PDB file of all heavy atoms in Angstrom:
ATOM      1  N   ALA A   1     -22.897   4.168  -4.935  1.00  0.00           N
ATOM      2  CA  ALA A   1     -21.831   5.155  -4.732  1.00  0.00           C
ATOM      3  C   ALA A   1     -20.823   4.705  -3.682  1.00  0.00           C
ATOM      4  O   ALA A   1     -19.826   5.377  -3.454  1.00  0.00           O
ATOM      5  CB  ALA A   1     -22.432   6.499  -4.331  1.00  0.00           C
ATOM      6  N   TRP A   2     -21.073   3.552  -3.067  1.00  0.00           N
ATOM      7  CA  TRP A   2     -20.258   3.105  -1.942  1.00  0.00           C
ATOM      8  C   TRP A   2     -19.424   1.883  -2.308  1.00  0.00           C
ATOM      9  O   TRP A   2     -19.891   0.988  -2.998  1.00  0.00           O
ATOM     10  CB  TRP A   2     -21.149   2.785  -0.739  1.00  0.00           C
ATOM     11  CG  TRP A   2     -21.887   3.991  -0.236  1.00  0.00           C
ATOM     12  CD1 TRP A   2     -23.074   4.478  -0.695  1.00  0.00           C
ATOM     13  CD2 TRP A   2     -21.465   4.871   0.795  1.00  0.00           C
ATOM     14  NE1 TRP A   2     -23.423   5.605   0.005  1.00  0.00           N
ATOM     15  CE2 TRP A   2     -22.456   5.870   0.925  1.00  0.00           C
ATOM     16  CE3 TRP A   2     -20.358   4.914   1.641  1.00  0.00           C
ATOM     17  CZ2 TRP A   2     -22.360   6.900   1.856  1.00  0.00           C
ATOM     18  CZ3 TRP A   2     -20.262   5.934   2.568  1.00  0.00           C
ATOM     19  CH2 TRP A   2     -21.251   6.908   2.669  1.00  0.00           C
ATOM     20  N   ASP A   3     -18.172   1.870  -1.809  1.00  0.00           N
ATOM     21  CA  ASP A   3     -17.271   0.737  -2.019  1.00  0.00           C
ATOM     22  C   ASP A   3     -16.928   0.122  -0.661  1.00  0.00           C
ATOM     23  O   ASP A   3     -16.411   0.804   0.224  1.00  0.00           O
ATOM     24  CB  ASP A   3     -15.973   1.179  -2.705  1.00  0.00           C
ATOM     25  CG  ASP A   3     -16.216   1.687  -4.112  1.00  0.00           C
ATOM     26  OD1 ASP A   3     -17.039   1.078  -4.820  1.00  0.00           O
ATOM     27  OD2 ASP A   3     -15.591   2.698  -4.493  1.00  0.00           O
ATOM     28  N   ARG A   4     -17.244  -1.175  -0.515  1.00  0.00           N
ATOM     29  CA  ARG A   4     -16.900  -1.888   0.721  1.00  0.00           C
ATOM     30  C   ARG A   4     -15.586  -2.632   0.489  1.00  0.00           C
ATOM     31  O   ARG A   4     -15.506  -3.515  -0.372  1.00  0.00           O
ATOM     32  CB  ARG A   4     -18.010  -2.858   1.109  1.00  0.00           C
ATOM     33  CG  ARG A   4     -17.805  -3.509   2.463  1.00  0.00           C
ATOM     34  CD  ARG A   4     -19.089  -4.121   2.961  1.00  0.00           C
ATOM     35  NE  ARG A   4     -18.937  -4.700   4.283  1.00  0.00           N
ATOM     36  CZ  ARG A   4     -19.960  -5.046   5.056  1.00  0.00           C
ATOM     37  NH1 ARG A   4     -21.200  -4.859   4.640  1.00  0.00           N
ATOM     38  NH2 ARG A   4     -19.748  -5.570   6.240  1.00  0.00           N
ATOM     39  N   LYS A   5     -14.559  -2.275   1.278  1.00  0.00           N
ATOM     40  CA  LYS A   5     -13.205  -2.740   0.988  1.00  0.00           C
ATOM     41  C   LYS A   5     -12.590  -3.457   2.187  1.00  0.00           C
ATOM     42  O   LYS A   5     -12.997  -3.252   3.331  1.00  0.00           O
ATOM     43  CB  LYS A   5     -12.329  -1.538   0.607  1.00  0.00           C
ATOM     44  CG  LYS A   5     -12.868  -0.740  -0.590  1.00  0.00           C
ATOM     45  CD  LYS A   5     -12.038   0.485  -0.873  1.00  0.00           C
ATOM     46  CE  LYS A   5     -12.222   1.572   0.177  1.00  0.00           C
ATOM     47  NZ  LYS A   5     -11.534   2.833  -0.187  1.00  0.00           N
ATOM     48  N   GLN A   6     -11.601  -4.286   1.887  1.00  0.00           N
ATOM     49  CA  GLN A   6     -10.815  -4.945   2.915  1.00  0.00           C
ATOM     50  C   GLN A   6      -9.352  -4.557   2.741  1.00  0.00           C
ATOM     51  O   GLN A   6      -8.935  -4.112   1.669  1.00  0.00           O
ATOM     52  CB  GLN A   6     -10.982  -6.470   2.832  1.00  0.00           C
ATOM     53  CG  GLN A   6     -12.379  -6.951   3.210  1.00  0.00           C
ATOM     54  CD  GLN A   6     -12.511  -8.462   3.105  1.00  0.00           C
ATOM     55  OE1 GLN A   6     -12.478  -9.023   2.014  1.00  0.00           O
ATOM     56  NE2 GLN A   6     -12.659  -9.122   4.246  1.00  0.00           N
ATOM     57  N   LEU A   7      -8.582  -4.765   3.811  1.00  0.00           N
ATOM     58  CA  LEU A   7      -7.166  -4.388   3.772  1.00  0.00           C
ATOM     59  C   LEU A   7      -6.347  -5.505   3.119  1.00  0.00           C
ATOM     60  O   LEU A   7      -6.482  -6.681   3.481  1.00  0.00           O
ATOM     61  CB  LEU A   7      -6.651  -4.131   5.187  1.00  0.00           C
ATOM     62  CG  LEU A   7      -5.200  -3.625   5.279  1.00  0.00           C
ATOM     63  CD1 LEU A   7      -5.069  -2.254   4.634  1.00  0.00           C
ATOM     64  CD2 LEU A   7      -4.731  -3.593   6.727  1.00  0.00           C
ATOM     65  N   TYR A   8      -5.500  -5.114   2.170  1.00  0.00           N
ATOM     66  CA  TYR A   8      -4.631  -6.049   1.462  1.00  0.00           C
ATOM     67  C   TYR A   8      -3.181  -5.562   1.540  1.00  0.00           C
ATOM     68  O   TYR A   8      -2.910  -4.354   1.658  1.00  0.00           O
ATOM     69  CB  TYR A   8      -5.033  -6.155  -0.012  1.00  0.00           C
ATOM     70  CG  TYR A   8      -6.313  -6.928  -0.269  1.00  0.00           C
ATOM     71  CD1 TYR A   8      -7.553  -6.325  -0.160  1.00  0.00           C
ATOM     72  CD2 TYR A   8      -6.261  -8.278  -0.624  1.00  0.00           C
ATOM     73  CE1 TYR A   8      -8.728  -7.023  -0.400  1.00  0.00           C
ATOM     74  CE2 TYR A   8      -7.427  -8.998  -0.874  1.00  0.00           C
ATOM     75  CZ  TYR A   8      -8.657  -8.363  -0.758  1.00  0.00           C
ATOM     76  OH  TYR A   8      -9.800  -9.080  -0.997  1.00  0.00           O
ATOM     77  N   LEU A   9      -2.270  -6.527   1.462  1.00  0.00           N
ATOM     78  CA  LEU A   9      -0.836  -6.249   1.396  1.00  0.00           C
ATOM     79  C   LEU A   9      -0.310  -6.768   0.068  1.00  0.00           C
ATOM     80  O   LEU A   9      -0.526  -7.943  -0.282  1.00  0.00           O
ATOM     81  CB  LEU A   9      -0.111  -6.943   2.555  1.00  0.00           C
ATOM     82  CG  LEU A   9       1.422  -6.940   2.506  1.00  0.00           C
ATOM     83  CD1 LEU A   9       1.972  -5.518   2.579  1.00  0.00           C
ATOM     84  CD2 LEU A   9       1.996  -7.802   3.637  1.00  0.00           C
ATOM     85  N   ASN A  10       0.368  -5.911  -0.686  1.00  0.00           N
ATOM     86  CA  ASN A  10       0.983  -6.334  -1.949  1.00  0.00           C
ATOM     87  C   ASN A  10       2.277  -7.076  -1.623  1.00  0.00           C
ATOM     88  O   ASN A  10       3.298  -6.453  -1.293  1.00  0.00           O
ATOM     89  CB  ASN A  10       1.267  -5.124  -2.829  1.00  0.00           C
ATOM     90  CG  ASN A  10       1.916  -5.517  -4.156  1.00  0.00           C
ATOM     91  OD1 ASN A  10       1.899  -6.689  -4.546  1.00  0.00           O
ATOM     92  ND2 ASN A  10       2.486  -4.541  -4.849  1.00  0.00           N
ATOM     93  N   VAL A  11       2.239  -8.389  -1.701  1.00  0.00           N
ATOM     94  CA  VAL A  11       3.400  -9.186  -1.287  1.00  0.00           C
ATOM     95  C   VAL A  11       4.498  -9.213  -2.351  1.00  0.00           C
ATOM     96  O   VAL A  11       5.573  -9.783  -2.116  1.00  0.00           O
ATOM     97  CB  VAL A  11       2.966 -10.622  -0.920  1.00  0.00           C
ATOM     98  CG1 VAL A  11       2.086 -10.613   0.319  1.00  0.00           C
ATOM     99  CG2 VAL A  11       2.256 -11.314  -2.083  1.00  0.00           C
ATOM    100  N   LEU A  12       4.262  -8.620  -3.514  1.00  0.00           N
ATOM    101  CA  LEU A  12       5.314  -8.512  -4.531  1.00  0.00           C
ATOM    102  C   LEU A  12       6.100  -7.215  -4.424  1.00  0.00           C
ATOM    103  O   LEU A  12       7.053  -7.000  -5.171  1.00  0.00           O
ATOM    104  CB  LEU A  12       4.702  -8.622  -5.938  1.00  0.00           C
ATOM    105  CG  LEU A  12       4.030  -9.950  -6.304  1.00  0.00           C
ATOM    106  CD1 LEU A  12       3.629  -9.948  -7.767  1.00  0.00           C
ATOM    107  CD2 LEU A  12       4.940 -11.131  -6.000  1.00  0.00           C
ATOM    108  N   SER A  13       5.693  -6.345  -3.501  1.00  0.00           N
ATOM    109  CA  SER A  13       6.419  -5.086  -3.332  1.00  0.00           C
ATOM    110  C   SER A  13       7.708  -5.330  -2.554  1.00  0.00           C
ATOM    111  O   SER A  13       7.801  -6.254  -1.733  1.00  0.00           O
ATOM    112  CB  SER A  13       5.550  -4.072  -2.589  1.00  0.00           C
ATOM    113  OG  SER A  13       5.254  -4.531  -1.281  1.00  0.00           O
ATOM    114  N   ASP A  14       8.696  -4.504  -2.800  1.00  0.00           N
ATOM    115  CA  ASP A  14       9.999  -4.634  -2.144  1.00  0.00           C
ATOM    116  C   ASP A  14       9.952  -3.925  -0.793  1.00  0.00           C
ATOM    117  O   ASP A  14       9.874  -2.691  -0.742  1.00  0.00           O
ATOM    118  CB  ASP A  14      11.087  -4.020  -3.031  1.00  0.00           C
ATOM    119  CG  ASP A  14      12.483  -4.202  -2.454  1.00  0.00           C
ATOM    120  OD1 ASP A  14      12.598  -4.714  -1.314  1.00  0.00           O
ATOM    121  OD2 ASP A  14      13.458  -3.829  -3.129  1.00  0.00           O
ATOM    122  N   PRO A  15      10.005  -4.659   0.323  1.00  0.00           N
ATOM    123  CA  PRO A  15       9.916  -4.018   1.640  1.00  0.00           C
ATOM    124  C   PRO A  15      11.158  -3.224   2.029  1.00  0.00           C
ATOM    125  O   PRO A  15      11.176  -2.592   3.085  1.00  0.00           O
ATOM    126  CB  PRO A  15       9.701  -5.206   2.585  1.00  0.00           C
ATOM    127  CG  PRO A  15      10.335  -6.365   1.884  1.00  0.00           C
ATOM    128  CD  PRO A  15      10.111  -6.122   0.430  1.00  0.00           C
ATOM    129  N   ASN A  16      12.183  -3.278   1.193  1.00  0.00           N
ATOM    130  CA  ASN A  16      13.397  -2.497   1.476  1.00  0.00           C
ATOM    131  C   ASN A  16      13.348  -1.111   0.849  1.00  0.00           C
ATOM    132  O   ASN A  16      14.234  -0.292   1.090  1.00  0.00           O
ATOM    133  CB  ASN A  16      14.633  -3.245   0.969  1.00  0.00           C
ATOM    134  CG  ASN A  16      14.847  -4.555   1.716  1.00  0.00           C
ATOM    135  OD1 ASN A  16      14.734  -4.602   2.938  1.00  0.00           O
ATOM    136  ND2 ASN A  16      15.141  -5.620   0.975  1.00  0.00           N
ATOM    137  N   GLU A  17      12.335  -0.860   0.032  1.00  0.00           N
ATOM    138  CA  GLU A  17      12.204   0.443  -0.611  1.00  0.00           C
ATOM    139  C   GLU A  17      11.141   1.273   0.092  1.00  0.00           C
ATOM    140  O   GLU A  17      10.101   0.750   0.497  1.00  0.00           O
ATOM    141  CB  GLU A  17      11.839   0.276  -2.092  1.00  0.00           C
ATOM    142  CG  GLU A  17      12.933  -0.340  -2.937  1.00  0.00           C
ATOM    143  CD  GLU A  17      12.559  -0.381  -4.413  1.00  0.00           C
ATOM    144  OE1 GLU A  17      11.436   0.075  -4.750  1.00  0.00           O
ATOM    145  OE2 GLU A  17      13.374  -0.866  -5.224  1.00  0.00           O
ATOM    146  N   VAL A  18      11.392   2.571   0.203  1.00  0.00           N
ATOM    147  CA  VAL A  18      10.451   3.492   0.837  1.00  0.00           C
ATOM    148  C   VAL A  18       9.665   4.205  -0.253  1.00  0.00           C
ATOM    149  O   VAL A  18      10.244   4.674  -1.247  1.00  0.00           O
ATOM    150  CB  VAL A  18      11.187   4.520   1.720  1.00  0.00           C
ATOM    151  CG1 VAL A  18      10.204   5.515   2.325  1.00  0.00           C
ATOM    152  CG2 VAL A  18      11.961   3.806   2.820  1.00  0.00           C
ATOM    153  N   SER A  19       8.352   4.285  -0.084  1.00  0.00           N
ATOM    154  CA  SER A  19       7.517   4.956  -1.088  1.00  0.00           C
ATOM    155  C   SER A  19       7.898   6.417  -1.196  1.00  0.00           C
ATOM    156  O   SER A  19       8.339   7.044  -0.225  1.00  0.00           O
ATOM    157  CB  SER A  19       6.039   4.819  -0.716  1.00  0.00           C
ATOM    158  OG  SER A  19       5.760   5.492   0.506  1.00  0.00           O
ATOM    159  N   ASP A  20       7.718   6.987  -2.392  1.00  0.00           N
ATOM    160  CA  ASP A  20       8.121   8.374  -2.624  1.00  0.00           C
ATOM    161  C   ASP A  20       7.002   9.371  -2.349  1.00  0.00           C
ATOM    162  O   ASP A  20       7.112  10.551  -2.692  1.00  0.00           O
ATOM    163  CB  ASP A  20       8.635   8.555  -4.055  1.00  0.00           C
ATOM    164  CG  ASP A  20       7.611   8.099  -5.093  1.00  0.00           C
ATOM    165  OD1 ASP A  20       6.473   7.750  -4.696  1.00  0.00           O
ATOM    166  OD2 ASP A  20       7.949   8.101  -6.292  1.00  0.00           O
ATOM    167  N   ASP A  21       5.900   8.908  -1.723  1.00  0.00           N
ATOM    168  CA  ASP A  21       4.835   9.835  -1.373  1.00  0.00           C
ATOM    169  C   ASP A  21       5.020  10.323   0.064  1.00  0.00           C
ATOM    170  O   ASP A  21       6.025  10.028   0.717  1.00  0.00           O
ATOM    171  CB  ASP A  21       3.463   9.170  -1.540  1.00  0.00           C
ATOM    172  CG  ASP A  21       3.339   7.881  -0.738  1.00  0.00           C
ATOM    173  OD1 ASP A  21       4.156   7.665   0.180  1.00  0.00           O
ATOM    174  OD2 ASP A  21       2.433   7.076  -1.036  1.00  0.00           O
ATOM    175  N   ASP A  22       4.048  11.073   0.567  1.00  0.00           N
ATOM    176  CA  ASP A  22       4.164  11.628   1.913  1.00  0.00           C
ATOM    177  C   ASP A  22       4.114  10.572   3.007  1.00  0.00           C
ATOM    178  O   ASP A  22       4.559  10.810   4.133  1.00  0.00           O
ATOM    179  CB  ASP A  22       3.041  12.658   2.147  1.00  0.00           C
ATOM    180  CG  ASP A  22       3.190  13.896   1.286  1.00  0.00           C
ATOM    181  OD1 ASP A  22       4.332  14.159   0.848  1.00  0.00           O
ATOM    182  OD2 ASP A  22       2.183  14.587   1.044  1.00  0.00           O
ATOM    183  N   LEU A  23       3.561   9.393   2.706  1.00  0.00           N
ATOM    184  CA  LEU A  23       3.425   8.358   3.734  1.00  0.00           C
ATOM    185  C   LEU A  23       4.754   7.677   4.057  1.00  0.00           C
ATOM    186  O   LEU A  23       4.936   7.154   5.155  1.00  0.00           O
ATOM    187  CB  LEU A  23       2.398   7.315   3.285  1.00  0.00           C
ATOM    188  CG  LEU A  23       0.967   7.806   3.085  1.00  0.00           C
ATOM    189  CD1 LEU A  23       0.064   6.646   2.647  1.00  0.00           C
ATOM    190  CD2 LEU A  23       0.426   8.433   4.361  1.00  0.00           C
ATOM    191  N   LYS A  24       5.682   7.643   3.095  1.00  0.00           N
ATOM    192  CA  LYS A  24       6.994   7.019   3.292  1.00  0.00           C
ATOM    193  C   LYS A  24       6.849   5.570   3.789  1.00  0.00           C
ATOM    194  O   LYS A  24       7.437   5.160   4.785  1.00  0.00           O
ATOM    195  CB  LYS A  24       7.842   7.831   4.278  1.00  0.00           C
ATOM    196  CG  LYS A  24       8.062   9.277   3.871  1.00  0.00           C
ATOM    197  CD  LYS A  24       8.782   9.378   2.530  1.00  0.00           C
ATOM    198  CE  LYS A  24       9.010  10.829   2.132  1.00  0.00           C
ATOM    199  NZ  LYS A  24       9.603  10.930   0.770  1.00  0.00           N
ATOM    200  N   MET A  25       6.078   4.791   3.085  1.00  0.00           N
ATOM    201  CA  MET A  25       5.776   3.424   3.486  1.00  0.00           C
ATOM    202  C   MET A  25       6.828   2.451   2.957  1.00  0.00           C
ATOM    203  O   MET A  25       7.353   2.619   1.858  1.00  0.00           O
ATOM    204  CB  MET A  25       4.406   3.024   2.954  1.00  0.00           C
ATOM    205  CG  MET A  25       3.266   3.921   3.383  1.00  0.00           C
ATOM    206  SD  MET A  25       2.455   3.286   4.824  1.00  0.00           S
ATOM    207  CE  MET A  25       1.561   1.925   4.105  1.00  0.00           C
TER     208      MET A  25
END
């Protein structure tokens, strides 16, 4: 039932665009 995860960065994402969710990333 457990997932062991690491932090990843999607390097194909456009860093000039802001996400449309509440995080505004």
